[in-house]
Amino acid sequence: MPKKQLSPVEAIRKRCLDCKEVAPEIRECEFDPKHKEACALWQFRMKKAKRGLSRLKAIRKYCLWCVNGLPEEVRLCPTKDCVLYKYRFGKNPNLVGKRVNNLNDKNRYRKPSSSKQG
């Protein structure tokens, strides 16, 4: 049976469980934004976040933190068993080819209506 693909929010939750080991500790996580070593995933630890915050950007930021801020090291990450590994570039590979690009919209080439005044 194939392993279930985790969504970004599920991967974040699993990473938090790996860090804290027991679910009740996640709620009380000390790496909140007030902490000097705030965790980029903190706001998403309970699978909820304020609107407008990107889980994928948070994962990218976390991965950069993990490799001391070196983008090249994120690309070369050897930890393939990390639940965040496939999201490390701040993109969701599960959506490749599934989103409709607005540039391909059939109305793209429609000429704007012009009103003649006269």
PDB file of N, CA and C in Angstrom:
ATOM      1  N   MET A   1       0.846  -1.185   0.000  1.00  0.00           N
ATOM      2  CA  MET A   1       0.000   0.000   0.000  1.00  0.00           C
ATOM      3  C   MET A   1       0.893   1.251   0.000  1.00  0.00           C
ATOM      4  N   PRO A   2       0.674   2.199  -0.935  1.00  0.00           N
ATOM      5  CA  PRO A   2       1.511   3.400  -1.005  1.00  0.00           C
ATOM      6  C   PRO A   2       1.293   4.296   0.217  1.00  0.00           C
ATOM      7  N   LYS A   3       2.376   4.982   0.588  1.00  0.00           N
ATOM      8  CA  LYS A   3       2.304   5.893   1.720  1.00  0.00           C
ATOM      9  C   LYS A   3       1.445   7.104   1.360  1.00  0.00           C
ATOM     10  N   LYS A   4       0.615   7.558   2.292  1.00  0.00           N
ATOM     11  CA  LYS A   4      -0.268   8.704   2.061  1.00  0.00           C
ATOM     12  C   LYS A   4       0.562   9.979   1.872  1.00  0.00           C
ATOM     13  N   GLN A   5       0.204  10.747   0.851  1.00  0.00           N
ATOM     14  CA  GLN A   5       0.852  12.031   0.607  1.00  0.00           C
ATOM     15  C   GLN A   5       0.321  13.039   1.623  1.00  0.00           C
ATOM     16  N   LEU A   6       1.199  13.671   2.336  1.00  0.00           N
ATOM     17  CA  LEU A   6       0.797  14.672   3.316  1.00  0.00           C
ATOM     18  C   LEU A   6       0.675  16.032   2.648  1.00  0.00           C
ATOM     19  N   SER A   7      -0.344  16.770   3.042  1.00  0.00           N
ATOM     20  CA  SER A   7      -0.470  18.153   2.584  1.00  0.00           C
ATOM     21  C   SER A   7       0.550  18.981   3.366  1.00  0.00           C
ATOM     22  N   PRO A   8       0.820  20.219   2.942  1.00  0.00           N
ATOM     23  CA  PRO A   8       1.765  21.048   3.696  1.00  0.00           C
ATOM     24  C   PRO A   8       1.386  21.194   5.175  1.00  0.00           C
ATOM     25  N   VAL A   9       0.107  21.404   5.463  1.00  0.00           N
ATOM     26  CA  VAL A   9      -0.302  21.585   6.863  1.00  0.00           C
ATOM     27  C   VAL A   9      -0.152  20.284   7.651  1.00  0.00           C
ATOM     28  N   GLU A  10      -0.419  19.159   7.024  1.00  0.00           N
ATOM     29  CA  GLU A  10      -0.226  17.869   7.695  1.00  0.00           C
ATOM     30  C   GLU A  10       1.256  17.592   7.939  1.00  0.00           C
ATOM     31  N   ALA A  11       2.100  17.977   6.984  1.00  0.00           N
ATOM     32  CA  ALA A  11       3.548  17.797   7.137  1.00  0.00           C
ATOM     33  C   ALA A  11       4.077  18.661   8.282  1.00  0.00           C
ATOM     34  N   ILE A  12       3.572  19.891   8.381  1.00  0.00           N
ATOM     35  CA  ILE A  12       3.983  20.775   9.480  1.00  0.00           C
ATOM     36  C   ILE A  12       3.581  20.162  10.817  1.00  0.00           C
ATOM     37  N   ARG A  13       2.352  19.705  10.906  1.00  0.00           N
ATOM     38  CA  ARG A  13       1.862  19.098  12.159  1.00  0.00           C
ATOM     39  C   ARG A  13       2.725  17.888  12.534  1.00  0.00           C
ATOM     40  N   LYS A  14       3.057  17.066  11.549  1.00  0.00           N
ATOM     41  CA  LYS A  14       3.889  15.885  11.810  1.00  0.00           C
ATOM     42  C   LYS A  14       5.282  16.308  12.269  1.00  0.00           C
ATOM     43  N   ARG A  15       5.834  17.353  11.661  1.00  0.00           N
ATOM     44  CA  ARG A  15       7.156  17.847  12.077  1.00  0.00           C
ATOM     45  C   ARG A  15       7.104  18.346  13.516  1.00  0.00           C
ATOM     46  N   CYS A  16       6.041  19.026  13.877  1.00  0.00           N
ATOM     47  CA  CYS A  16       5.885  19.505  15.257  1.00  0.00           C
ATOM     48  C   CYS A  16       5.786  18.332  16.228  1.00  0.00           C
ATOM     49  N   LEU A  17       5.072  17.285  15.831  1.00  0.00           N
ATOM     50  CA  LEU A  17       4.978  16.080  16.673  1.00  0.00           C
ATOM     51  C   LEU A  17       6.348  15.419  16.815  1.00  0.00           C
ATOM     52  N   ASP A  18       7.134  15.430  15.736  1.00  0.00           N
ATOM     53  CA  ASP A  18       8.482  14.867  15.805  1.00  0.00           C
ATOM     54  C   ASP A  18       9.359  15.673  16.767  1.00  0.00           C
ATOM     55  N   CYS A  19       9.165  16.984  16.780  1.00  0.00           N
ATOM     56  CA  CYS A  19       9.961  17.864  17.633  1.00  0.00           C
ATOM     57  C   CYS A  19       9.576  17.719  19.103  1.00  0.00           C
ATOM     58  N   LYS A  20       8.289  17.718  19.384  1.00  0.00           N
ATOM     59  CA  LYS A  20       7.807  17.723  20.763  1.00  0.00           C
ATOM     60  C   LYS A  20       7.448  16.345  21.306  1.00  0.00           C
ATOM     61  N   GLU A  21       7.280  15.377  20.446  1.00  0.00           N
ATOM     62  CA  GLU A  21       7.018  13.982  20.772  1.00  0.00           C
ATOM     63  C   GLU A  21       5.616  13.677  21.296  1.00  0.00           C
ATOM     64  N   VAL A  22       4.981  14.601  21.979  1.00  0.00           N
ATOM     65  CA  VAL A  22       3.601  14.358  22.429  1.00  0.00           C
ATOM     66  C   VAL A  22       2.735  15.566  22.093  1.00  0.00           C
ATOM     67  N   ALA A  23       1.522  15.298  21.652  1.00  0.00           N
ATOM     68  CA  ALA A  23       0.626  16.352  21.174  1.00  0.00           C
ATOM     69  C   ALA A  23       0.380  17.486  22.177  1.00  0.00           C
ATOM     70  N   PRO A  24       0.147  17.216  23.473  1.00  0.00           N
ATOM     71  CA  PRO A  24      -0.108  18.343  24.387  1.00  0.00           C
ATOM     72  C   PRO A  24       1.027  19.356  24.452  1.00  0.00           C
ATOM     73  N   GLU A  25       2.243  18.900  24.220  1.00  0.00           N
ATOM     74  CA  GLU A  25       3.375  19.828  24.261  1.00  0.00           C
ATOM     75  C   GLU A  25       3.383  20.789  23.079  1.00  0.00           C
ATOM     76  N   ILE A  26       2.753  20.409  21.990  1.00  0.00           N
ATOM     77  CA  ILE A  26       2.724  21.289  20.811  1.00  0.00           C
ATOM     78  C   ILE A  26       1.975  22.576  21.135  1.00  0.00           C
ATOM     79  N   ARG A  27       0.848  22.442  21.841  1.00  0.00           N
ATOM     80  CA  ARG A  27       0.072  23.631  22.205  1.00  0.00           C
ATOM     81  C   ARG A  27       0.906  24.595  23.049  1.00  0.00           C
ATOM     82  N   GLU A  28       1.762  24.064  23.887  1.00  0.00           N
ATOM     83  CA  GLU A  28       2.574  24.875  24.794  1.00  0.00           C
ATOM     84  C   GLU A  28       3.972  25.147  24.246  1.00  0.00           C
ATOM     85  N   CYS A  29       4.165  24.984  22.948  1.00  0.00           N
ATOM     86  CA  CYS A  29       5.480  25.154  22.329  1.00  0.00           C
ATOM     87  C   CYS A  29       6.107  26.496  22.712  1.00  0.00           C
ATOM     88  N   GLU A  30       7.338  26.428  23.175  1.00  0.00           N
ATOM     89  CA  GLU A  30       8.025  27.638  23.639  1.00  0.00           C
ATOM     90  C   GLU A  30       8.690  28.423  22.522  1.00  0.00           C
ATOM     91  N   PHE A  31       8.651  27.930  21.298  1.00  0.00           N
ATOM     92  CA  PHE A  31       9.296  28.633  20.195  1.00  0.00           C
ATOM     93  C   PHE A  31       8.347  29.586  19.483  1.00  0.00           C
ATOM     94  N   ASP A  32       7.553  30.300  20.275  1.00  0.00           N
ATOM     95  CA  ASP A  32       6.607  31.264  19.724  1.00  0.00           C
ATOM     96  C   ASP A  32       7.350  32.495  19.202  1.00  0.00           C
ATOM     97  N   PRO A  33       6.650  33.386  18.507  1.00  0.00           N
ATOM     98  CA  PRO A  33       7.310  34.569  17.919  1.00  0.00           C
ATOM     99  C   PRO A  33       8.025  35.464  18.925  1.00  0.00           C
ATOM    100  N   LYS A  34       7.683  35.379  20.215  1.00  0.00           N
ATOM    101  CA  LYS A  34       8.342  36.203  21.229  1.00  0.00           C
ATOM    102  C   LYS A  34       9.701  35.625  21.626  1.00  0.00           C
ATOM    103  N   HIS A  35       9.918  34.367  21.325  1.00  0.00           N
ATOM    104  CA  HIS A  35      11.163  33.682  21.674  1.00  0.00           C
ATOM    105  C   HIS A  35      12.270  34.109  20.725  1.00  0.00           C
ATOM    106  N   LYS A  36      13.501  34.195  21.210  1.00  0.00           N
ATOM    107  CA  LYS A  36      14.605  34.654  20.357  1.00  0.00           C
ATOM    108  C   LYS A  36      14.887  33.683  19.209  1.00  0.00           C
ATOM    109  N   GLU A  37      14.546  32.419  19.374  1.00  0.00           N
ATOM    110  CA  GLU A  37      14.705  31.439  18.303  1.00  0.00           C
ATOM    111  C   GLU A  37      13.325  30.962  17.852  1.00  0.00           C
ATOM    112  N   ALA A  38      12.511  31.888  17.415  1.00  0.00           N
ATOM    113  CA  ALA A  38      11.148  31.563  16.989  1.00  0.00           C
ATOM    114  C   ALA A  38      11.169  30.562  15.838  1.00  0.00           C
ATOM    115  N   CYS A  39      10.227  29.650  15.877  1.00  0.00           N
ATOM    116  CA  CYS A  39      10.110  28.641  14.822  1.00  0.00           C
ATOM    117  C   CYS A  39       9.163  29.154  13.741  1.00  0.00           C
ATOM    118  N   ALA A  40       9.568  29.027  12.492  1.00  0.00           N
ATOM    119  CA  ALA A  40       8.740  29.488  11.369  1.00  0.00           C
ATOM    120  C   ALA A  40       7.432  28.709  11.274  1.00  0.00           C
ATOM    121  N   LEU A  41       7.398  27.512  11.839  1.00  0.00           N
ATOM    122  CA  LEU A  41       6.203  26.665  11.758  1.00  0.00           C
ATOM    123  C   LEU A  41       5.245  26.884  12.926  1.00  0.00           C
ATOM    124  N   TRP A  42       5.643  27.668  13.908  1.00  0.00           N
ATOM    125  CA  TRP A  42       4.887  27.826  15.149  1.00  0.00           C
ATOM    126  C   TRP A  42       3.411  28.161  14.910  1.00  0.00           C
ATOM    127  N   GLN A  43       3.129  29.095  14.015  1.00  0.00           N
ATOM    128  CA  GLN A  43       1.743  29.534  13.795  1.00  0.00           C
ATOM    129  C   GLN A  43       0.867  28.444  13.192  1.00  0.00           C
ATOM    130  N   PHE A  44       1.491  27.444  12.602  1.00  0.00           N
ATOM    131  CA  PHE A  44       0.744  26.381  11.926  1.00  0.00           C
ATOM    132  C   PHE A  44       0.703  25.083  12.727  1.00  0.00           C
ATOM    133  N   ARG A  45       1.260  25.092  13.924  1.00  0.00           N
ATOM    134  CA  ARG A  45       1.420  23.855  14.692  1.00  0.00           C
ATOM    135  C   ARG A  45       0.102  23.184  15.044  1.00  0.00           C
ATOM    136  N   MET A  46      -0.976  23.942  15.129  1.00  0.00           N
ATOM    137  CA  MET A  46      -2.286  23.394  15.477  1.00  0.00           C
ATOM    138  C   MET A  46      -3.169  23.220  14.242  1.00  0.00           C
ATOM    139  N   LYS A  47      -2.571  23.252  13.049  1.00  0.00           N
ATOM    140  CA  LYS A  47      -3.249  23.129  11.755  1.00  0.00           C
ATOM    141  C   LYS A  47      -4.124  24.328  11.424  1.00  0.00           C
ATOM    142  N   LYS A  48      -3.964  25.414  12.136  1.00  0.00           N
ATOM    143  CA  LYS A  48      -4.719  26.630  11.857  1.00  0.00           C
ATOM    144  C   LYS A  48      -3.746  27.797  11.865  1.00  0.00           C
ATOM    145  N   ALA A  49      -4.084  28.811  11.111  1.00  0.00           N
ATOM    146  CA  ALA A  49      -3.241  30.008  11.096  1.00  0.00           C
ATOM    147  C   ALA A  49      -4.084  31.192  10.655  1.00  0.00           C
ATOM    148  N   LYS A  50      -3.551  32.371  10.900  1.00  0.00           N
ATOM    149  CA  LYS A  50      -4.245  33.569  10.452  1.00  0.00           C
ATOM    150  C   LYS A  50      -4.281  33.586   8.935  1.00  0.00           C
ATOM    151  N   ARG A  51      -5.295  34.189   8.419  1.00  0.00           N
ATOM    152  CA  ARG A  51      -5.448  34.293   6.974  1.00  0.00           C
ATOM    153  C   ARG A  51      -4.284  35.057   6.352  1.00  0.00           C
ATOM    154  N   GLY A  52      -3.883  34.624   5.176  1.00  0.00           N
ATOM    155  CA  GLY A  52      -2.834  35.316   4.453  1.00  0.00           C
ATOM    156  C   GLY A  52      -1.432  34.780   4.718  1.00  0.00           C
ATOM    157  N   LEU A  53      -1.301  33.918   5.707  1.00  0.00           N
ATOM    158  CA  LEU A  53       0.010  33.347   5.984  1.00  0.00           C
ATOM    159  C   LEU A  53       0.203  32.107   5.126  1.00  0.00           C
ATOM    160  N   SER A  54       1.362  31.967   4.550  1.00  0.00           N
ATOM    161  CA  SER A  54       1.639  30.855   3.657  1.00  0.00           C
ATOM    162  C   SER A  54       2.369  29.729   4.379  1.00  0.00           C
ATOM    163  N   ARG A  55       1.770  28.573   4.380  1.00  0.00           N
ATOM    164  CA  ARG A  55       2.405  27.403   4.986  1.00  0.00           C
ATOM    165  C   ARG A  55       3.679  27.041   4.218  1.00  0.00           C
ATOM    166  N   LEU A  56       3.625  27.154   2.903  1.00  0.00           N
ATOM    167  CA  LEU A  56       4.783  26.810   2.082  1.00  0.00           C
ATOM    168  C   LEU A  56       5.954  27.760   2.323  1.00  0.00           C
ATOM    169  N   LYS A  57       5.663  29.042   2.500  1.00  0.00           N
ATOM    170  CA  LYS A  57       6.728  29.999   2.801  1.00  0.00           C
ATOM    171  C   LYS A  57       7.308  29.730   4.186  1.00  0.00           C
ATOM    172  N   ALA A  58       6.458  29.317   5.116  1.00  0.00           N
ATOM    173  CA  ALA A  58       6.932  28.980   6.460  1.00  0.00           C
ATOM    174  C   ALA A  58       7.849  27.753   6.413  1.00  0.00           C
ATOM    175  N   ILE A  59       7.490  26.774   5.593  1.00  0.00           N
ATOM    176  CA  ILE A  59       8.332  25.583   5.449  1.00  0.00           C
ATOM    177  C   ILE A  59       9.674  25.974   4.848  1.00  0.00           C
ATOM    178  N   ARG A  60       9.662  26.812   3.831  1.00  0.00           N
ATOM    179  CA  ARG A  60      10.911  27.277   3.207  1.00  0.00           C
ATOM    180  C   ARG A  60      11.793  27.980   4.242  1.00  0.00           C
ATOM    181  N   LYS A  61      11.180  28.844   5.031  1.00  0.00           N
ATOM    182  CA  LYS A  61      11.916  29.578   6.060  1.00  0.00           C
ATOM    183  C   LYS A  61      12.492  28.608   7.101  1.00  0.00           C
ATOM    184  N   TYR A  62      11.712  27.611   7.481  1.00  0.00           N
ATOM    185  CA  TYR A  62      12.178  26.606   8.440  1.00  0.00           C
ATOM    186  C   TYR A  62      13.372  25.831   7.871  1.00  0.00           C
ATOM    187  N   CYS A  63      13.260  25.444   6.608  1.00  0.00           N
ATOM    188  CA  CYS A  63      14.352  24.692   5.967  1.00  0.00           C
ATOM    189  C   CYS A  63      15.621  25.539   5.888  1.00  0.00           C
ATOM    190  N   LEU A  64      15.478  26.817   5.583  1.00  0.00           N
ATOM    191  CA  LEU A  64      16.645  27.709   5.570  1.00  0.00           C
ATOM    192  C   LEU A  64      17.269  27.795   6.960  1.00  0.00           C
ATOM    193  N   TRP A  65      16.418  27.867   7.984  1.00  0.00           N
ATOM    194  CA  TRP A  65      16.926  27.888   9.361  1.00  0.00           C
ATOM    195  C   TRP A  65      17.707  26.599   9.658  1.00  0.00           C
ATOM    196  N   CYS A  66      17.162  25.487   9.219  1.00  0.00           N
ATOM    197  CA  CYS A  66      17.758  24.178   9.480  1.00  0.00           C
ATOM    198  C   CYS A  66      19.173  24.048   8.897  1.00  0.00           C
ATOM    199  N   VAL A  67      19.418  24.705   7.763  1.00  0.00           N
ATOM    200  CA  VAL A  67      20.734  24.621   7.110  1.00  0.00           C
ATOM    201  C   VAL A  67      21.521  25.930   7.246  1.00  0.00           C
ATOM    202  N   ASN A  68      21.269  26.651   8.325  1.00  0.00           N
ATOM    203  CA  ASN A  68      22.002  27.885   8.638  1.00  0.00           C
ATOM    204  C   ASN A  68      21.880  28.967   7.580  1.00  0.00           C
ATOM    205  N   GLY A  69      20.719  29.056   6.939  1.00  0.00           N
ATOM    206  CA  GLY A  69      20.443  30.147   6.008  1.00  0.00           C
ATOM    207  C   GLY A  69      21.074  30.030   4.635  1.00  0.00           C
ATOM    208  N   LEU A  70      21.536  28.857   4.267  1.00  0.00           N
ATOM    209  CA  LEU A  70      22.201  28.682   2.975  1.00  0.00           C
ATOM    210  C   LEU A  70      21.255  28.022   1.966  1.00  0.00           C
ATOM    211  N   PRO A  71      20.717  28.803   1.007  1.00  0.00           N
ATOM    212  CA  PRO A  71      19.763  28.253   0.036  1.00  0.00           C
ATOM    213  C   PRO A  71      20.298  27.047  -0.731  1.00  0.00           C
ATOM    214  N   GLU A  72      21.580  27.047  -1.047  1.00  0.00           N
ATOM    215  CA  GLU A  72      22.169  25.922  -1.770  1.00  0.00           C
ATOM    216  C   GLU A  72      22.070  24.635  -0.943  1.00  0.00           C
ATOM    217  N   GLU A  73      22.209  24.764   0.368  1.00  0.00           N
ATOM    218  CA  GLU A  73      22.116  23.598   1.249  1.00  0.00           C
ATOM    219  C   GLU A  73      20.685  23.057   1.327  1.00  0.00           C
ATOM    220  N   VAL A  74      19.701  23.939   1.166  1.00  0.00           N
ATOM    221  CA  VAL A  74      18.306  23.471   1.114  1.00  0.00           C
ATOM    222  C   VAL A  74      18.143  22.584  -0.112  1.00  0.00           C
ATOM    223  N   ARG A  75      18.694  23.018  -1.232  1.00  0.00           N
ATOM    224  CA  ARG A  75      18.605  22.230  -2.457  1.00  0.00           C
ATOM    225  C   ARG A  75      19.290  20.883  -2.301  1.00  0.00           C
ATOM    226  N   LEU A  76      20.431  20.872  -1.609  1.00  0.00           N
ATOM    227  CA  LEU A  76      21.217  19.658  -1.447  1.00  0.00           C
ATOM    228  C   LEU A  76      20.841  18.841  -0.204  1.00  0.00           C
ATOM    229  N   CYS A  77      19.765  19.199   0.448  1.00  0.00           N
ATOM    230  CA  CYS A  77      19.363  18.562   1.706  1.00  0.00           C
ATOM    231  C   CYS A  77      19.433  17.030   1.619  1.00  0.00           C
ATOM    232  N   PRO A  78      20.191  16.417   2.528  1.00  0.00           N
ATOM    233  CA  PRO A  78      20.318  14.960   2.511  1.00  0.00           C
ATOM    234  C   PRO A  78      19.226  14.243   3.314  1.00  0.00           C
ATOM    235  N   THR A  79      18.394  15.002   4.027  1.00  0.00           N
ATOM    236  CA  THR A  79      17.403  14.406   4.912  1.00  0.00           C
ATOM    237  C   THR A  79      16.108  14.129   4.160  1.00  0.00           C
ATOM    238  N   LYS A  80      16.159  13.157   3.283  1.00  0.00           N
ATOM    239  CA  LYS A  80      15.017  12.847   2.424  1.00  0.00           C
ATOM    240  C   LYS A  80      13.836  12.252   3.186  1.00  0.00           C
ATOM    241  N   ASP A  81      14.060  11.770   4.404  1.00  0.00           N
ATOM    242  CA  ASP A  81      12.958  11.218   5.180  1.00  0.00           C
ATOM    243  C   ASP A  81      12.240  12.275   6.030  1.00  0.00           C
ATOM    244  N   CYS A  82      12.668  13.532   5.941  1.00  0.00           N
ATOM    245  CA  CYS A  82      11.990  14.628   6.645  1.00  0.00           C
ATOM    246  C   CYS A  82      10.628  14.860   5.988  1.00  0.00           C
ATOM    247  N   VAL A  83       9.592  15.050   6.797  1.00  0.00           N
ATOM    248  CA  VAL A  83       8.243  15.244   6.249  1.00  0.00           C
ATOM    249  C   VAL A  83       8.125  16.548   5.457  1.00  0.00           C
ATOM    250  N   LEU A  84       9.042  17.475   5.678  1.00  0.00           N
ATOM    251  CA  LEU A  84       9.007  18.757   4.974  1.00  0.00           C
ATOM    252  C   LEU A  84       9.843  18.742   3.691  1.00  0.00           C
ATOM    253  N   TYR A  85      10.565  17.672   3.451  1.00  0.00           N
ATOM    254  CA  TYR A  85      11.542  17.601   2.361  1.00  0.00           C
ATOM    255  C   TYR A  85      10.965  18.023   1.008  1.00  0.00           C
ATOM    256  N   LYS A  86       9.834  17.494   0.621  1.00  0.00           N
ATOM    257  CA  LYS A  86       9.325  17.805  -0.719  1.00  0.00           C
ATOM    258  C   LYS A  86       8.777  19.227  -0.834  1.00  0.00           C
ATOM    259  N   TYR A  87       8.574  19.904   0.290  1.00  0.00           N
ATOM    260  CA  TYR A  87       8.081  21.288   0.286  1.00  0.00           C
ATOM    261  C   TYR A  87       9.197  22.293   0.548  1.00  0.00           C
ATOM    262  N   ARG A  88      10.454  21.839   0.615  1.00  0.00           N
ATOM    263  CA  ARG A  88      11.564  22.684   1.053  1.00  0.00           C
ATOM    264  C   ARG A  88      11.827  23.901   0.174  1.00  0.00           C
ATOM    265  N   PHE A  89      11.345  23.882  -1.061  1.00  0.00           N
ATOM    266  CA  PHE A  89      11.536  25.034  -1.957  1.00  0.00           C
ATOM    267  C   PHE A  89      10.401  26.052  -1.848  1.00  0.00           C
ATOM    268  N   GLY A  90       9.433  25.807  -0.974  1.00  0.00           N
ATOM    269  CA  GLY A  90       8.310  26.715  -0.826  1.00  0.00           C
ATOM    270  C   GLY A  90       7.256  26.511  -1.899  1.00  0.00           C
ATOM    271  N   LYS A  91       7.279  25.352  -2.524  1.00  0.00           N
ATOM    272  CA  LYS A  91       6.318  25.002  -3.579  1.00  0.00           C
ATOM    273  C   LYS A  91       5.652  23.681  -3.203  1.00  0.00           C
ATOM    274  N   ASN A  92       4.458  23.461  -3.743  1.00  0.00           N
ATOM    275  CA  ASN A  92       3.744  22.217  -3.488  1.00  0.00           C
ATOM    276  C   ASN A  92       3.818  21.330  -4.724  1.00  0.00           C
ATOM    277  N   PRO A  93       4.662  20.303  -4.709  1.00  0.00           N
ATOM    278  CA  PRO A  93       4.797  19.444  -5.886  1.00  0.00           C
ATOM    279  C   PRO A  93       3.540  18.628  -6.185  1.00  0.00           C
ATOM    280  N   ASN A  94       2.626  18.535  -5.225  1.00  0.00           N
ATOM    281  CA  ASN A  94       1.370  17.816  -5.455  1.00  0.00           C
ATOM    282  C   ASN A  94       0.466  18.558  -6.438  1.00  0.00           C
ATOM    283  N   LEU A  95       0.729  19.843  -6.642  1.00  0.00           N
ATOM    284  CA  LEU A  95      -0.133  20.661  -7.500  1.00  0.00           C
ATOM    285  C   LEU A  95       0.452  20.909  -8.885  1.00  0.00           C
ATOM    286  N   VAL A  96       1.615  20.399  -9.167  1.00  0.00           N
ATOM    287  CA  VAL A  96       2.251  20.623 -10.469  1.00  0.00           C
ATOM    288  C   VAL A  96       1.324  20.130 -11.574  1.00  0.00           C
ATOM    289  N   GLY A  97       1.012  21.024 -12.501  1.00  0.00           N
ATOM    290  CA  GLY A  97       0.149  20.678 -13.625  1.00  0.00           C
ATOM    291  C   GLY A  97      -1.331  20.647 -13.310  1.00  0.00           C
ATOM    292  N   LYS A  98      -1.724  20.944 -12.084  1.00  0.00           N
ATOM    293  CA  LYS A  98      -3.136  20.883 -11.715  1.00  0.00           C
ATOM    294  C   LYS A  98      -3.803  22.252 -11.672  1.00  0.00           C
ATOM    295  N   ARG A  99      -3.019  23.289 -11.523  1.00  0.00           N
ATOM    296  CA  ARG A  99      -3.597  24.631 -11.463  1.00  0.00           C
ATOM    297  C   ARG A  99      -3.797  25.184 -12.849  1.00  0.00           C
ATOM    298  N   VAL A 100      -4.862  25.908 -13.027  1.00  0.00           N
ATOM    299  CA  VAL A 100      -5.125  26.543 -14.310  1.00  0.00           C
ATOM    300  C   VAL A 100      -4.458  27.904 -14.295  1.00  0.00           C
ATOM    301  N   ASN A 101      -3.622  28.129 -15.267  1.00  0.00           N
ATOM    302  CA  ASN A 101      -2.915  29.387 -15.377  1.00  0.00           C
ATOM    303  C   ASN A 101      -3.837  30.408 -16.046  1.00  0.00           C
ATOM    304  N   ASN A 102      -3.951  31.573 -15.446  1.00  0.00           N
ATOM    305  CA  ASN A 102      -4.822  32.612 -16.006  1.00  0.00           C
ATOM    306  C   ASN A 102      -4.417  33.011 -17.416  1.00  0.00           C
ATOM    307  N   LEU A 103      -3.147  32.824 -17.771  1.00  0.00           N
ATOM    308  CA  LEU A 103      -2.702  33.180 -19.112  1.00  0.00           C
ATOM    309  C   LEU A 103      -3.318  32.275 -20.175  1.00  0.00           C
ATOM    310  N   ASN A 104      -3.754  31.101 -19.768  1.00  0.00           N
ATOM    311  CA  ASN A 104      -4.366  30.174 -20.714  1.00  0.00           C
ATOM    312  C   ASN A 104      -5.883  30.338 -20.780  1.00  0.00           C
ATOM    313  N   ASP A 105      -6.383  31.291 -20.064  1.00  0.00           N
ATOM    314  CA  ASP A 105      -7.822  31.536 -20.036  1.00  0.00           C
ATOM    315  C   ASP A 105      -8.313  31.874 -21.445  1.00  0.00           C
ATOM    316  N   LYS A 106      -9.449  31.296 -21.829  1.00  0.00           N
ATOM    317  CA  LYS A 106      -9.960  31.524 -23.187  1.00  0.00           C
ATOM    318  C   LYS A 106     -10.328  32.982 -23.433  1.00  0.00           C
ATOM    319  N   ASN A 107     -10.541  33.749 -22.369  1.00  0.00           N
ATOM    320  CA  ASN A 107     -10.886  35.162 -22.524  1.00  0.00           C
ATOM    321  C   ASN A 107      -9.649  36.051 -22.659  1.00  0.00           C
ATOM    322  N   ARG A 108      -8.496  35.460 -22.598  1.00  0.00           N
ATOM    323  CA  ARG A 108      -7.262  36.241 -22.656  1.00  0.00           C
ATOM    324  C   ARG A 108      -7.163  37.036 -23.950  1.00  0.00           C
ATOM    325  N   TYR A 109      -7.589  36.440 -25.043  1.00  0.00           N
ATOM    326  CA  TYR A 109      -7.430  37.089 -26.338  1.00  0.00           C
ATOM    327  C   TYR A 109      -8.668  37.879 -26.774  1.00  0.00           C
ATOM    328  N   ARG A 110      -9.630  37.938 -25.916  1.00  0.00           N
ATOM    329  CA  ARG A 110     -10.824  38.709 -26.251  1.00  0.00           C
ATOM    330  C   ARG A 110     -10.483  40.204 -26.275  1.00  0.00           C
ATOM    331  N   LYS A 111     -10.897  40.846 -27.329  1.00  0.00           N
ATOM    332  CA  LYS A 111     -10.641  42.280 -27.436  1.00  0.00           C
ATOM    333  C   LYS A 111     -11.569  43.015 -26.480  1.00  0.00           C
ATOM    334  N   PRO A 112     -11.054  44.043 -25.860  1.00  0.00           N
ATOM    335  CA  PRO A 112     -11.918  44.813 -24.955  1.00  0.00           C
ATOM    336  C   PRO A 112     -13.010  45.497 -25.760  1.00  0.00           C
ATOM    337  N   SER A 113     -14.178  45.543 -25.159  1.00  0.00           N
ATOM    338  CA  SER A 113     -15.282  46.214 -25.871  1.00  0.00           C
ATOM    339  C   SER A 113     -15.012  47.710 -25.903  1.00  0.00           C
ATOM    340  N   SER A 114     -15.269  48.280 -27.039  1.00  0.00           N
ATOM    341  CA  SER A 114     -15.047  49.725 -27.148  1.00  0.00           C
ATOM    342  C   SER A 114     -16.401  50.392 -27.353  1.00  0.00           C
ATOM    343  N   SER A 115     -16.569  51.451 -26.651  1.00  0.00           N
ATOM    344  CA  SER A 115     -17.823  52.193 -26.816  1.00  0.00           C
ATOM    345  C   SER A 115     -17.544  53.406 -27.686  1.00  0.00           C
ATOM    346  N   LYS A 116     -18.280  53.496 -28.758  1.00  0.00           N
ATOM    347  CA  LYS A 116     -18.079  54.607 -29.670  1.00  0.00           C
ATOM    348  C   LYS A 116     -18.914  55.798 -29.188  1.00  0.00           C
ATOM    349  N   GLN A 117     -18.247  56.896 -29.099  1.00  0.00           N
ATOM    350  CA  GLN A 117     -18.967  58.104 -28.717  1.00  0.00           C
ATOM    351  C   GLN A 117     -19.136  58.963 -29.966  1.00  0.00           C
ATOM    352  N   GLY A 118     -20.205  59.499 -30.044  1.00  0.00           N
ATOM    353  CA  GLY A 118     -20.259  60.228 -31.215  1.00  0.00           C
ATOM    354  C   GLY A 118     -21.287  61.093 -31.539  1.00  0.00           C
TER     355      GLY A 118
END
